[in-house]
Protein backbone atom coordinates (compact mmCIF):
# COMPACT_ATOMS: atom_id res chain seq x y z
CA UNK A 1 74.25 104.15 184.66
CA UNK A 2 73.11 101.68 182.02
CA UNK A 3 69.50 101.28 183.19
CA UNK A 4 66.75 103.38 181.60
CA UNK A 5 64.65 103.80 184.73
CA UNK A 6 64.79 107.05 186.67
CA UNK A 7 66.50 106.20 189.99
CA UNK A 8 64.38 106.27 193.12
CA UNK A 9 66.28 106.94 196.30
CA UNK A 10 65.94 104.79 199.39
CA UNK A 11 63.97 107.42 201.28
CA UNK A 12 62.32 110.80 200.74
CA UNK A 13 65.01 112.29 202.97
CA UNK A 14 67.77 111.02 200.68
CA UNK A 15 65.89 112.31 197.66
CA UNK A 16 65.76 115.77 199.24
CA UNK A 17 69.45 115.61 200.08
CA UNK A 18 70.33 114.68 196.49
CA UNK A 19 68.21 117.55 195.16
CA UNK A 20 69.75 120.04 197.59
CA UNK A 21 73.25 118.87 196.71
CA UNK A 22 72.51 119.12 192.98
CA UNK A 23 71.06 122.62 193.37
CA UNK A 24 74.09 123.75 195.39
CA UNK A 25 76.40 122.47 192.67
CA UNK A 26 74.51 124.19 189.85
CA UNK A 27 74.87 127.83 188.79
CA UNK A 28 72.72 129.80 191.26
CA UNK A 29 69.96 132.21 190.37
CA UNK A 30 70.36 135.86 191.43
CA UNK A 31 69.22 136.75 194.94
CA UNK A 32 66.36 138.98 193.78
CA UNK A 33 64.85 136.06 191.84
CA UNK A 34 65.10 133.52 194.67
CA UNK A 35 63.75 136.05 197.17
CA UNK A 36 60.79 136.75 194.88
CA UNK A 37 60.17 133.00 194.63
CA UNK A 38 60.22 132.70 198.43
CA UNK A 39 57.77 135.57 198.84
CA UNK A 40 55.28 134.04 196.41
CA UNK A 41 55.67 130.54 197.87
CA UNK A 42 54.82 131.78 201.36
CA UNK A 43 52.10 134.32 200.52
CA UNK A 44 49.93 132.78 197.81
CA UNK A 45 47.71 129.71 197.96
CA UNK A 46 48.13 129.18 194.20
CA UNK A 47 51.93 129.23 194.36
CA UNK A 48 51.99 125.64 193.05
CA UNK A 49 51.60 127.26 189.62
CA UNK A 50 55.19 128.49 189.92
CA UNK A 51 58.25 126.48 188.87
CA UNK A 52 60.85 125.55 191.48
CA UNK A 53 64.18 127.32 191.79
CA UNK A 54 65.99 124.08 190.92
CA UNK A 55 64.02 123.56 187.72
CA UNK A 56 64.63 127.20 186.86
CA UNK A 57 68.38 126.73 187.29
CA UNK A 58 68.06 124.04 184.64
CA UNK A 59 66.03 126.32 182.36
CA UNK A 60 68.70 128.98 182.74
CA UNK A 61 71.45 126.59 181.63
CA UNK A 62 69.37 125.43 178.65
CA UNK A 63 68.93 129.02 177.49
CA UNK A 64 72.60 129.86 177.97
CA UNK A 65 73.74 126.69 176.20
CA UNK A 66 72.04 127.70 172.94
CA UNK A 67 72.82 131.41 173.27
CA UNK A 68 69.14 132.33 173.50
CA UNK A 69 68.31 136.02 173.19
CA UNK A 70 64.56 135.85 172.60
CA UNK A 71 62.13 133.82 174.69
CA UNK A 72 58.37 133.40 174.32
CA UNK A 73 56.62 132.33 177.51
CA UNK A 74 53.07 131.01 177.30
CA UNK A 75 51.65 131.29 180.81
CA UNK A 76 53.33 133.96 182.95
CA UNK A 77 51.53 133.61 186.31
CA UNK A 78 53.03 136.36 188.53
CA UNK A 79 56.31 136.71 186.68
CA UNK A 80 58.82 134.44 188.40
CA UNK A 81 59.86 132.33 185.41
CA UNK A 82 59.85 135.39 183.15
CA UNK A 83 62.42 136.91 185.49
CA UNK A 84 64.54 133.77 185.12
CA UNK A 85 64.36 133.99 181.32
CA UNK A 86 65.13 137.71 181.52
CA UNK A 87 68.28 136.91 183.45
CA UNK A 88 69.21 134.16 180.98
CA UNK A 89 68.92 136.30 177.83
CA UNK A 90 70.63 139.32 179.40
CA UNK A 91 69.86 143.03 179.05
CA UNK A 92 70.08 142.93 175.25
CA UNK A 93 67.63 140.02 174.99
CA UNK A 94 63.83 140.13 175.13
CA UNK A 95 61.14 138.01 176.73
CA UNK A 96 57.53 138.03 175.56
CA UNK A 97 54.92 136.62 177.93
CA UNK A 98 51.36 135.61 177.05
CA UNK A 99 49.05 135.66 180.08
CA UNK A 100 45.30 135.08 180.18
CA UNK A 101 44.62 136.58 183.62
CA UNK A 102 44.91 140.41 183.82
CA UNK A 103 45.46 140.23 187.60
CA UNK A 104 48.45 137.92 187.15
CA UNK A 105 49.85 140.17 184.43
CA UNK A 106 49.60 143.22 186.70
CA UNK A 107 51.35 141.44 189.56
CA UNK A 108 54.07 140.32 187.17
CA UNK A 109 54.60 143.81 185.78
CA UNK A 110 54.75 145.22 189.31
CA UNK A 111 57.39 142.62 190.19
CA UNK A 112 59.42 143.54 187.12
CA UNK A 113 59.43 147.22 188.09
CA UNK A 114 60.32 146.42 191.71
CA UNK A 115 63.24 144.23 190.62
CA UNK A 116 64.59 146.36 187.78
CA UNK A 117 63.53 143.91 185.06
CA UNK A 118 62.98 145.91 181.88
CA UNK A 119 63.24 143.41 179.04
CA UNK A 120 59.93 141.56 179.47
CA UNK A 121 56.70 142.41 177.64
CA UNK A 122 53.38 140.82 178.63
CA UNK A 123 50.48 140.41 176.22
CA UNK A 124 47.18 139.88 178.04
CA UNK A 125 44.46 137.64 176.62
CA UNK A 126 43.83 134.05 175.54
CA UNK A 127 47.09 132.71 174.13
CA UNK A 128 45.25 130.93 171.32
CA UNK A 129 44.24 134.41 170.10
CA UNK A 130 47.33 136.46 170.93
CA UNK A 131 49.93 133.95 169.74
CA UNK A 132 49.04 134.17 166.00
CA UNK A 133 49.21 137.97 166.18
CA UNK A 134 52.83 138.08 167.36
CA UNK A 135 55.28 139.60 164.89
CA UNK A 136 58.70 139.70 166.56
CA UNK A 137 61.51 141.60 164.86
CA UNK A 138 63.56 138.41 165.17
CA UNK A 139 62.32 134.83 165.67
CA UNK A 140 62.28 133.32 169.14
CA UNK A 141 65.02 130.95 170.32
CA UNK A 142 62.95 129.34 173.08
CA UNK A 143 59.29 128.83 173.89
CA UNK A 144 58.42 128.00 177.49
CA UNK A 145 54.97 126.45 177.68
CA UNK A 146 53.45 126.41 181.17
CA UNK A 147 49.81 127.31 180.71
CA UNK A 148 46.41 125.59 180.55
CA UNK A 149 47.14 121.94 179.75
CA UNK A 150 44.13 121.48 177.49
CA UNK A 151 45.62 124.13 175.22
CA UNK A 152 49.00 122.42 174.74
CA UNK A 153 48.19 120.58 171.47
CA UNK A 154 46.70 123.70 169.92
CA UNK A 155 49.61 125.91 170.95
CA UNK A 156 52.07 123.49 169.39
CA UNK A 157 50.14 123.46 166.13
CA UNK A 158 50.04 127.27 166.09
CA UNK A 159 53.77 127.52 166.78
CA UNK A 160 54.58 125.17 163.91
CA UNK A 161 52.19 126.88 161.52
CA UNK A 162 53.75 130.27 162.30
CA UNK A 163 57.28 128.91 161.80
CA UNK A 164 57.16 127.29 158.37
CA UNK A 165 60.47 126.98 156.50
CA UNK A 166 61.11 129.91 154.20
CA UNK A 167 58.22 131.97 155.55
CA UNK A 168 58.85 135.66 156.12
CA UNK A 169 58.50 136.76 159.74
CA UNK A 170 58.47 133.23 161.12
CA UNK A 171 57.86 132.93 164.86
CA UNK A 172 60.59 130.43 165.81
CA UNK A 173 64.04 130.06 164.32
CA UNK A 174 65.33 126.72 163.03
CA UNK A 175 66.79 124.91 166.03
CA UNK A 176 64.52 126.68 168.52
CA UNK A 177 63.58 124.81 171.70
CA UNK A 178 60.02 124.32 172.92
CA UNK A 179 60.23 123.57 176.65
CA UNK A 180 56.91 122.36 178.06
CA UNK A 181 56.18 121.84 181.74
CA UNK A 182 53.86 119.39 183.54
CA UNK A 183 53.78 116.81 180.76
CA UNK A 184 53.50 113.77 183.06
CA UNK A 185 50.82 115.08 185.45
CA UNK A 186 51.98 113.20 188.56
CA UNK A 187 52.56 110.11 186.41
CA UNK A 188 48.97 109.92 185.15
CA UNK A 189 49.96 110.60 181.55
CA UNK A 190 52.08 107.44 181.55
CA UNK A 191 49.79 105.37 183.78
CA UNK A 192 46.21 106.40 184.44
CA UNK A 193 46.24 104.18 187.55
CA UNK A 194 49.32 105.90 188.99
CA UNK A 195 47.36 107.25 191.96
CA UNK A 196 45.78 103.92 192.82
CA UNK A 197 42.07 104.02 193.56
CA UNK A 198 41.91 107.79 193.72
CA UNK A 199 39.33 108.96 191.20
CA UNK A 200 40.05 111.65 188.65
CA UNK A 201 37.73 114.59 188.23
CA UNK A 202 36.59 115.26 184.67
CA UNK A 203 38.74 118.40 184.45
CA UNK A 204 41.89 116.53 185.45
CA UNK A 205 41.12 113.77 182.96
CA UNK A 206 40.86 116.39 180.22
CA UNK A 207 44.32 117.63 181.18
CA UNK A 208 45.77 114.12 181.01
CA UNK A 209 44.20 113.43 177.60
CA UNK A 210 45.42 116.76 176.20
CA UNK A 211 48.96 116.30 177.47
CA UNK A 212 49.08 112.78 176.03
CA UNK A 213 48.04 114.20 172.67
CA UNK A 214 50.71 116.89 172.97
CA UNK A 215 53.47 114.40 173.77
CA UNK A 216 52.35 112.21 170.86
CA UNK A 217 52.43 115.20 168.49
CA UNK A 218 55.95 116.12 169.58
CA UNK A 219 57.41 112.66 169.02
CA UNK A 220 55.57 111.94 165.74
CA UNK A 221 56.06 115.21 163.85
CA UNK A 222 58.96 114.93 161.36
CA UNK A 223 59.81 118.60 161.91
CA UNK A 224 60.60 117.98 165.57
CA UNK A 225 63.13 116.18 167.74
CA UNK A 226 62.02 115.61 171.30
CA UNK A 227 63.08 114.26 174.69
CA UNK A 228 60.71 113.85 177.61
CA UNK A 229 62.50 114.30 180.92
CA UNK A 230 60.91 112.41 183.86
CA UNK A 231 61.88 115.06 186.41
CA UNK A 232 59.65 117.37 188.45
CA UNK A 233 56.17 116.94 186.88
CA UNK A 234 57.66 115.98 183.52
CA UNK A 235 59.36 118.36 181.09
CA UNK A 236 59.23 117.97 177.32
CA UNK A 237 62.24 119.36 175.44
CA UNK A 238 61.46 119.66 171.74
CA UNK A 239 63.72 121.07 169.03
CA UNK A 240 62.38 122.55 165.80
CA UNK A 241 64.53 121.06 163.06
CA UNK A 242 63.63 123.41 160.22
């Protein structure tokens, strides 16, 4: 279509039908991954922290399309998306996850053992502290950022600083993708009045301000090429040029 606007379907029911059809006509995720997703979605009150299966099908194709073998995930939660990346990179690839909460990290590691996932390593602690200490044997092909939103600008700056052209032991390879989730925040990043008269708590406003700064950094940095996808809660796809 020639229009720029994201299409809105005539009804929520039609929107669901389109999504279901699209998911059914996309490469499926393995059964053990979708079953794990279902178990978390039905058993945990904080399951909204987990990506959807449909979005993860998209992440899988992105990884496969660039031949990714090494993925850095900032924000692991209980391990679902790490399992998707593990599947995408294959048994000879590696996934490194940075997770602040020890309880989440333990649940994720337990899930990996239960599902035969043996190519994911989790580093526990604040990502702002653990990220600069990483020294991978080979640079990462993809970064998946799905952590505390106020940290997004700082994480991007750290990633770029650790991946300078010509530097030995750089963190990201030239051409690496930085895939960042929740960069529209229910539309509030684009329009602070998106929710009408509903007031924003101070914490939510901090998230909106930080994500706006992050999106601005991505589009203005000459080392980066970026595309913001208005799907799900907004996904920023950024490519490191050098």
